[in-house]
Amino acid sequence: MATFSASYLDAISNVTAQQPLSTGKAYVDIQSARRYSLNTLWPSDMKKAMHLSHTLRDTLMLAPTNRGVFHGGAGFTTQNESGNTGFKLTQEMAYHYNYLAWSETEVEPEMVDGMGDEGKMLVYKSTMMGKLQEVHLANANTWESAIWGAPDQAAMFTNMTKPVSIPTLISEEGYYGLQADGTNLTSVYNATQAVVPAYDNQRYTYAALGGNAANGEDLIGTIEDAWLGAKFEGIPEHPEYGPGNELTNIIFCSNWGIKLVLAALRNGQTQWGKREITPYGVRVDTLLFKPIDILGTAELYDDGSGGLANEANAAEDGPRYYGVNLKSMKFLCQKGHFQRMEKPVSLAPIGKPYDYHQGIKSKMQMWCVNRRDHFIVSPTAAAIS
């Protein structure tokens, strides 16, 4: 059996440093989900998703203290009150760990006598590419599941064992989302309704499928209302201080949800702008409806008996539509801590002389600086018959 002439770990470390394992693929992928919201939340250039520090920070404006008055000129006196300094919104990153595990007995049988170290490393890389491909797929599925998880005060905001999820930031229950145990959150990041009441998402309900937008209560009319309701212009004269003119540019929903949108448009015989079915979802005018597999099964909604259920089994059953503005909600990673591969470690000291372990570390967090830019459209009891 051929072996490495150099130290096994040194050979692996030196060659993988020069030829990263992240290139190429070993398996034909028949296991991934149809669509991932992370493909939309993350920019094509991941450098734009990197944050320098472990703690995320932004300052939210509190209700302004109005010290300005109209006056008649002569004899005017004024006070000298200090205005508010804003609310410091903060959140720490969540940690994620995965690893590659292998044994010399997996790699060396593929090597032949007389093979040089370069050839042996190609054999090694072929084996390890498959393992790394599996890790990348597992990570994608884990992260996708996490960002569509039910609100969890302890895991998300106290212990940071999970990233903050989209349903936590865009809640149909009110300011504080509903947890799996039937209780509500007590804060979102470190913000509370008592201190920062405006830090809340938009909520709308549809009472029928219909398709006639003039109705105002059917699915299409409600989505239009939500889209308009989440638009905030900059203040006059100084728009740079305001939220800008960005509109909601994506709506996440289940496969059921996208089918109902198309059915409602057909039923109402309304074009509602140009429609285009793309590989990424259905685009209607400037809105992209992106169906996400996990939203059909995720247990996120009140089941009517103190727990959570998926959209088909909720107390008010039917698809939900999450309107996201990608300018103010981002899934960020800490620079230098995203899928960082550690050096391989031999497990010989713990009695496994042929086994090796290589850690892959990440730090990430969902960050939303302005919840009111986002909306959820939910069904009422009469919507789905």
Protein backbone atom coordinates (compact mmCIF):
# COMPACT_ATOMS: atom_id res chain seq x y z
CA MET A 1 0.00 0.00 0.00
CA ALA A 2 1.38 3.42 -0.95
CA THR A 3 1.72 6.06 1.74
CA PHE A 4 2.82 9.67 1.90
CA SER A 5 6.59 10.06 2.07
CA ALA A 6 6.22 13.20 4.16
CA SER A 7 4.32 13.59 7.41
CA TYR A 8 0.67 12.83 6.60
CA LEU A 9 -0.71 15.94 8.27
CA ASP A 10 2.02 18.19 6.87
CA ALA A 11 1.35 16.90 3.36
CA ILE A 12 -2.38 17.48 3.72
CA SER A 13 -1.98 20.95 5.23
CA ASN A 14 0.58 22.10 2.67
CA VAL A 15 -1.26 20.94 -0.42
CA THR A 16 -4.76 21.95 0.65
CA ALA A 17 -3.45 25.39 1.52
CA GLN A 18 -2.27 25.75 -2.08
CA GLN A 19 -5.19 23.93 -3.70
CA PRO A 20 -8.36 24.62 -1.70
CA LEU A 21 -10.78 21.74 -1.38
CA SER A 22 -13.74 23.98 -2.16
CA THR A 23 -13.23 23.62 -5.91
CA GLY A 24 -14.83 20.92 -8.00
CA LYS A 25 -17.45 18.36 -7.05
CA ALA A 26 -17.31 14.64 -6.45
CA TYR A 27 -21.00 13.72 -6.49
CA VAL A 28 -23.99 14.44 -8.67
CA ASP A 29 -26.30 16.36 -6.34
CA ILE A 30 -29.68 14.66 -6.00
CA GLN A 31 -30.26 15.72 -2.38
CA SER A 32 -30.51 19.51 -2.23
CA ALA A 33 -33.77 21.43 -1.84
CA ARG A 34 -35.40 22.99 -4.90
CA ARG A 35 -34.79 26.55 -3.76
CA TYR A 36 -32.98 28.27 -0.90
CA SER A 37 -33.82 31.71 0.45
CA LEU A 38 -30.12 32.11 1.25
CA ASN A 39 -29.45 32.37 -2.48
CA THR A 40 -31.50 35.57 -2.36
CA LEU A 41 -30.45 36.90 1.04
CA TRP A 42 -26.75 36.49 0.30
CA PRO A 43 -25.25 38.61 -2.51
CA SER A 44 -23.37 36.90 -5.32
CA ASP A 45 -20.23 38.53 -3.93
CA MET A 46 -20.03 37.16 -0.39
CA LYS A 47 -17.60 39.94 0.56
CA LYS A 48 -20.67 42.19 0.76
CA ALA A 49 -22.19 39.91 3.42
CA MET A 50 -19.16 40.13 5.72
CA HIS A 51 -19.21 42.13 8.94
CA LEU A 52 -16.04 43.11 10.74
CA SER A 53 -17.03 42.54 14.36
CA HIS A 54 -18.69 39.88 16.48
CA THR A 55 -21.36 42.31 17.70
CA LEU A 56 -23.84 43.94 15.32
CA ARG A 57 -24.90 47.49 16.19
CA ASP A 58 -27.23 50.15 14.84
CA THR A 59 -28.99 53.15 16.38
CA LEU A 60 -32.76 53.46 15.97
CA MET A 61 -34.42 56.85 16.14
CA LEU A 62 -36.90 57.19 18.96
CA ALA A 63 -40.02 59.39 18.71
CA PRO A 64 -38.64 62.90 18.16
CA THR A 65 -39.01 65.54 20.82
CA ASN A 66 -40.74 68.45 19.06
CA ARG A 67 -39.01 71.62 20.28
CA GLY A 68 -39.85 73.76 17.25
CA VAL A 69 -42.65 76.33 17.51
CA PHE A 70 -44.17 79.01 15.28
CA HIS A 71 -44.00 82.46 16.89
CA GLY A 72 -44.80 86.12 16.24
CA GLY A 73 -41.26 87.44 16.41
CA ALA A 74 -40.91 90.07 19.16
CA GLY A 75 -40.65 88.91 22.72
CA PHE A 76 -40.09 85.26 21.81
CA THR A 77 -38.26 83.09 24.31
CA THR A 78 -37.34 79.43 24.00
CA GLN A 79 -36.27 76.46 26.09
CA ASN A 80 -33.08 74.44 25.70
CA GLU A 81 -34.10 70.78 25.93
CA SER A 82 -31.80 68.05 24.75
CA GLY A 83 -33.32 65.69 22.19
CA ASN A 84 -33.19 61.91 22.31
CA THR A 85 -30.03 60.09 21.37
CA GLY A 86 -31.73 57.04 19.89
CA PHE A 87 -31.86 53.39 20.89
CA LYS A 88 -28.77 51.21 20.53
CA LEU A 89 -29.85 48.00 18.80
CA THR A 90 -27.30 45.21 19.34
CA GLN A 91 -26.93 41.49 18.71
CA GLU A 92 -24.04 39.05 18.87
CA MET A 93 -23.23 36.53 16.17
CA ALA A 94 -24.31 32.91 16.44
CA TYR A 95 -21.65 30.22 16.16
CA HIS A 96 -21.81 27.24 13.82
CA TYR A 97 -19.44 24.26 13.74
CA ASN A 98 -19.15 21.37 11.32
CA TYR A 99 -16.24 19.13 10.44
CA LEU A 100 -14.64 16.70 8.06
CA ALA A 101 -13.83 13.26 9.43
CA TRP A 102 -11.82 10.61 7.63
CA SER A 103 -9.46 7.70 8.07
CA GLU A 104 -6.27 6.77 6.28
CA THR A 105 -7.98 3.50 5.46
CA GLU A 106 -10.45 5.42 3.26
CA VAL A 107 -7.74 7.10 1.22
CA GLU A 108 -4.72 4.83 0.97
CA PRO A 109 -6.41 1.81 -0.69
CA GLU A 110 -6.90 4.06 -3.75
CA MET A 111 -3.16 4.73 -4.01
CA VAL A 112 -0.72 2.49 -5.82
CA ASP A 113 2.96 1.79 -5.35
CA GLY A 114 5.20 4.15 -7.24
CA MET A 115 2.68 6.99 -7.13
CA GLY A 116 4.32 10.29 -6.26
CA ASP A 117 3.06 12.62 -3.55
CA GLU A 118 1.29 14.78 -6.15
CA GLY A 119 -0.67 11.81 -7.43
CA LYS A 120 -1.42 10.67 -3.93
CA MET A 121 -2.73 14.11 -3.09
CA LEU A 122 -5.06 14.01 -6.09
CA VAL A 123 -6.47 10.78 -4.70
CA TYR A 124 -6.79 12.41 -1.31
CA LYS A 125 -8.51 15.46 -2.80
CA SER A 126 -10.96 13.32 -4.75
CA THR A 127 -12.03 11.62 -1.53
CA MET A 128 -12.13 14.81 0.48
CA MET A 129 -14.07 16.76 -2.16
CA GLY A 130 -16.96 14.38 -1.67
CA LYS A 131 -16.82 14.85 2.09
CA LEU A 132 -16.64 18.63 1.73
CA GLN A 133 -19.53 18.62 -0.74
CA GLU A 134 -21.59 16.76 1.85
CA VAL A 135 -20.65 19.31 4.53
CA HIS A 136 -21.60 22.25 2.30
CA LEU A 137 -25.00 20.69 1.57
CA ALA A 138 -25.58 19.89 5.24
CA ASN A 139 -24.64 23.46 6.17
CA ALA A 140 -27.00 24.93 3.58
CA ASN A 141 -29.89 22.83 4.85
CA THR A 142 -29.10 23.61 8.50
CA TRP A 143 -28.83 27.35 7.92
CA GLU A 144 -31.95 27.44 5.76
CA SER A 145 -33.89 25.62 8.47
CA ALA A 146 -32.54 27.96 11.13
CA ILE A 147 -33.53 31.19 9.39
CA TRP A 148 -37.09 29.87 9.02
CA GLY A 149 -37.27 28.58 12.59
CA ALA A 150 -39.89 29.49 15.17
CA PRO A 151 -39.04 32.40 17.52
CA ASP A 152 -36.91 31.27 20.46
CA GLN A 153 -35.94 33.83 23.11
CA ALA A 154 -33.29 31.71 24.84
CA ALA A 155 -31.62 30.27 21.75
CA MET A 156 -31.66 33.42 19.62
CA PHE A 157 -31.24 36.29 22.07
CA THR A 158 -29.80 34.88 25.29
CA ASN A 159 -27.45 32.07 24.30
CA MET A 160 -27.00 32.79 20.58
CA THR A 161 -27.15 29.08 19.76
CA LYS A 162 -29.31 29.87 16.72
CA PRO A 163 -29.38 32.84 14.36
CA VAL A 164 -32.43 35.09 14.56
CA SER A 165 -35.06 33.81 12.12
CA ILE A 166 -37.16 35.66 9.56
CA PRO A 167 -40.46 34.68 11.30
CA THR A 168 -39.05 36.24 14.48
CA LEU A 169 -38.50 39.55 12.69
CA ILE A 170 -41.63 39.36 10.53
CA SER A 171 -44.30 38.12 12.93
CA GLU A 172 -48.02 37.69 12.33
CA GLU A 173 -48.67 37.54 16.09
CA GLY A 174 -47.65 41.10 16.89
CA TYR A 175 -44.46 42.77 18.05
CA TYR A 176 -43.40 39.58 19.81
CA GLY A 177 -43.52 36.32 17.88
CA LEU A 178 -45.05 33.11 19.23
CA GLN A 179 -42.64 30.46 20.51
CA ALA A 180 -43.06 26.68 20.29
CA ASP A 181 -44.22 26.50 23.92
CA GLY A 182 -47.09 28.90 23.22
CA THR A 183 -45.52 31.92 24.94
CA ASN A 184 -44.44 35.11 23.23
CA LEU A 185 -40.98 36.60 22.99
CA THR A 186 -40.11 39.34 25.46
CA SER A 187 -37.74 41.26 23.16
CA VAL A 188 -36.52 41.33 19.57
CA TYR A 189 -32.75 41.62 19.74
CA ASN A 190 -32.62 43.96 22.76
CA ALA A 191 -35.61 46.06 21.60
CA THR A 192 -38.94 46.05 23.43
CA GLN A 193 -42.33 47.38 22.39
CA ALA A 194 -42.43 49.71 25.38
CA VAL A 195 -39.19 51.46 24.40
CA VAL A 196 -39.16 51.17 20.59
CA PRO A 197 -42.77 50.57 19.48
CA ALA A 198 -42.08 51.62 15.88
CA TYR A 199 -39.60 48.76 15.48
CA ASP A 200 -42.28 46.40 14.21
CA ASN A 201 -43.24 44.76 10.93
CA GLN A 202 -46.40 45.37 8.88
CA ARG A 203 -49.27 42.86 9.17
CA TYR A 204 -52.12 42.29 6.70
CA THR A 205 -54.78 39.60 6.29
CA TYR A 206 -56.71 38.33 3.30
CA ALA A 207 -60.26 37.06 3.66
CA ALA A 208 -60.72 35.43 0.26
CA LEU A 209 -58.72 34.23 -2.70
CA GLY A 210 -60.67 36.12 -5.35
CA GLY A 211 -58.43 37.85 -7.78
CA ASN A 212 -60.17 41.20 -8.06
CA ALA A 213 -57.70 43.72 -6.63
CA ALA A 214 -60.42 46.36 -6.33
CA ASN A 215 -62.03 44.25 -3.63
CA GLY A 216 -59.24 45.13 -1.23
CA GLU A 217 -59.68 42.03 0.95
CA ASP A 218 -58.81 39.25 -1.46
CA LEU A 219 -55.30 37.83 -1.74
CA ILE A 220 -54.07 40.04 -4.58
CA GLY A 221 -55.61 43.21 -3.15
CA THR A 222 -54.08 42.51 0.26
CA ILE A 223 -50.63 41.87 -1.16
CA GLU A 224 -50.89 45.17 -3.03
CA ASP A 225 -51.91 46.92 0.21
CA ALA A 226 -48.96 45.37 2.04
CA TRP A 227 -46.54 46.33 -0.72
CA LEU A 228 -47.72 49.95 -0.55
CA GLY A 229 -47.88 49.95 3.25
CA ALA A 230 -44.23 48.98 3.59
CA LYS A 231 -43.04 51.90 1.45
CA PHE A 232 -41.65 54.87 3.37
CA GLU A 233 -40.31 57.97 1.64
CA GLY A 234 -37.53 60.15 2.93
CA ILE A 235 -38.52 63.28 4.85
CA PRO A 236 -38.95 66.52 2.84
CA GLU A 237 -35.84 68.59 2.19
CA HIS A 238 -33.55 66.06 3.90
CA PRO A 239 -34.39 62.66 2.40
CA GLU A 240 -30.94 61.39 3.40
CA TYR A 241 -32.19 61.20 6.99
CA GLY A 242 -35.17 59.08 6.05
CA PRO A 243 -35.46 55.42 5.06
CA GLY A 244 -35.10 56.12 1.35
CA ASN A 245 -37.44 55.04 -1.40
CA GLU A 246 -36.65 51.33 -1.39
CA LEU A 247 -39.59 48.98 -1.92
CA THR A 248 -40.12 45.41 -0.83
CA ASN A 249 -38.43 43.44 -3.57
CA ILE A 250 -39.10 39.81 -2.70
CA ILE A 251 -41.93 37.79 -1.20
CA PHE A 252 -41.11 34.40 0.26
CA CYS A 253 -43.93 31.84 0.35
CA SER A 254 -44.57 28.11 0.06
CA ASN A 255 -45.29 26.24 -3.15
CA TRP A 256 -48.95 26.32 -2.12
CA GLY A 257 -48.66 30.08 -1.77
CA ILE A 258 -47.32 30.66 -5.27
CA LYS A 259 -50.04 28.44 -6.76
CA LEU A 260 -52.74 30.49 -5.03
CA VAL A 261 -51.27 33.76 -6.30
CA LEU A 262 -51.32 32.50 -9.87
CA ALA A 263 -54.81 31.06 -9.42
CA ALA A 264 -56.07 34.35 -7.97
CA LEU A 265 -54.65 36.26 -10.93
CA ARG A 266 -56.35 33.87 -13.34
CA ASN A 267 -59.66 33.96 -11.45
CA GLY A 268 -59.76 37.74 -11.50
CA GLN A 269 -58.59 37.82 -15.10
CA THR A 270 -56.26 40.62 -14.18
CA GLN A 271 -52.70 40.87 -15.40
CA TRP A 272 -51.56 42.95 -12.39
CA GLY A 273 -48.54 43.97 -14.40
CA LYS A 274 -46.23 41.79 -16.42
CA ARG A 275 -45.89 38.23 -15.15
CA GLU A 276 -42.85 36.11 -15.77
CA ILE A 277 -42.09 32.62 -14.47
CA THR A 278 -38.33 32.44 -13.87
CA PRO A 279 -36.01 29.77 -12.42
CA TYR A 280 -36.05 31.79 -9.19
CA GLY A 281 -39.81 32.19 -8.79
CA VAL A 282 -42.65 34.19 -10.30
CA ARG A 283 -42.04 37.86 -11.01
CA VAL A 284 -44.99 40.24 -11.08
CA ASP A 285 -43.93 43.77 -11.95
CA THR A 286 -41.15 44.60 -9.47
CA LEU A 287 -42.04 41.86 -6.98
CA LEU A 288 -40.44 38.42 -7.05
CA PHE A 289 -42.52 35.69 -5.40
CA LYS A 290 -40.03 33.03 -4.38
CA PRO A 291 -41.43 29.68 -3.21
CA ILE A 292 -39.31 28.09 -0.47
CA ASP A 293 -39.68 24.38 0.21
CA ILE A 294 -39.39 24.64 3.99
CA LEU A 295 -42.28 27.10 4.29
CA GLY A 296 -44.70 24.32 3.39
CA THR A 297 -43.74 22.27 6.45
CA ALA A 298 -42.27 24.71 9.00
CA GLU A 299 -44.34 24.87 12.21
CA LEU A 300 -44.59 28.62 12.74
CA TYR A 301 -48.26 29.46 13.30
CA ASP A 302 -50.75 29.26 16.17
CA ASP A 303 -52.49 25.87 16.13
CA GLY A 304 -55.28 27.11 18.41
CA SER A 305 -54.30 24.87 21.32
CA GLY A 306 -51.13 26.40 22.72
CA GLY A 307 -48.65 25.17 20.14
CA LEU A 308 -47.42 25.76 16.62
CA ALA A 309 -48.41 24.14 13.33
CA ASN A 310 -47.55 24.44 9.66
CA GLU A 311 -49.62 26.60 7.33
CA ALA A 312 -51.95 23.74 6.37
CA ASN A 313 -52.75 22.81 9.99
CA ALA A 314 -52.75 26.21 11.69
CA ALA A 315 -55.89 27.49 13.39
CA GLU A 316 -56.22 29.85 10.44
CA ASP A 317 -54.88 27.71 7.65
CA GLY A 318 -53.47 28.99 4.41
CA PRO A 319 -50.25 30.31 2.90
CA ARG A 320 -48.35 33.19 4.43
CA TYR A 321 -46.43 35.74 2.38
CA TYR A 322 -43.26 37.28 3.83
CA GLY A 323 -42.38 40.59 2.16
CA VAL A 324 -38.67 41.31 2.57
CA ASN A 325 -36.70 44.45 1.77
CA LEU A 326 -33.15 43.26 1.15
CA LYS A 327 -31.77 46.72 2.00
CA SER A 328 -32.71 46.50 5.66
CA MET A 329 -32.60 42.75 6.34
CA LYS A 330 -29.35 40.88 5.76
CA PHE A 331 -27.89 37.55 6.77
CA LEU A 332 -24.38 38.58 7.78
CA CYS A 333 -21.23 36.61 8.54
CA GLN A 334 -18.18 37.75 10.48
CA LYS A 335 -15.20 38.42 8.27
CA GLY A 336 -12.56 35.74 8.69
CA HIS A 337 -15.04 33.45 10.42
CA PHE A 338 -17.13 32.09 7.57
CA GLN A 339 -16.54 28.41 6.80
CA ARG A 340 -13.03 28.77 8.19
CA MET A 341 -11.24 25.45 7.90
CA GLU A 342 -8.94 24.52 10.74
CA LYS A 343 -5.83 22.39 10.31
CA PRO A 344 -6.47 18.63 10.34
CA VAL A 345 -5.94 16.99 13.71
CA SER A 346 -4.90 13.40 14.30
CA LEU A 347 -7.09 11.48 16.76
CA ALA A 348 -4.19 9.20 17.74
CA PRO A 349 -3.99 10.72 21.25
CA ILE A 350 -7.49 9.39 21.96
CA GLY A 351 -6.78 5.92 20.62
CA LYS A 352 -7.70 6.37 16.92
CA PRO A 353 -4.31 6.38 15.16
CA TYR A 354 -5.71 6.30 11.62
CA ASP A 355 -8.48 8.87 12.08
CA TYR A 356 -8.47 12.61 11.46
CA HIS A 357 -10.74 15.57 12.24
CA GLN A 358 -10.87 18.96 10.53
CA GLY A 359 -13.13 21.64 11.96
CA ILE A 360 -15.10 24.15 9.87
CA LYS A 361 -16.22 27.22 11.84
CA SER A 362 -18.66 30.00 11.01
CA LYS A 363 -20.19 32.99 12.77
CA MET A 364 -23.38 34.46 11.33
CA GLN A 365 -26.52 36.38 12.19
CA MET A 366 -29.73 37.70 10.65
CA TRP A 367 -29.74 41.48 11.08
CA CYS A 368 -32.71 43.74 10.51
CA VAL A 369 -32.25 47.46 11.09
CA ASN A 370 -35.84 48.41 10.27
CA ARG A 371 -38.67 45.90 10.78
CA ARG A 372 -41.34 48.22 9.37
CA ASP A 373 -39.84 47.78 5.88
CA HIS A 374 -41.16 44.21 5.94
CA PHE A 375 -44.62 42.66 5.99
CA ILE A 376 -46.51 39.42 6.38
CA VAL A 377 -49.80 38.65 4.66
CA SER A 378 -51.81 35.99 6.51
CA PRO A 379 -55.17 34.27 5.94
CA THR A 380 -58.25 34.72 8.06
CA ALA A 381 -60.51 31.76 8.84
CA ALA A 382 -62.66 32.45 5.78
CA ALA A 383 -59.82 32.76 3.31
CA ILE A 384 -59.35 29.08 2.44
CA SER A 385 -62.54 27.15 1.91
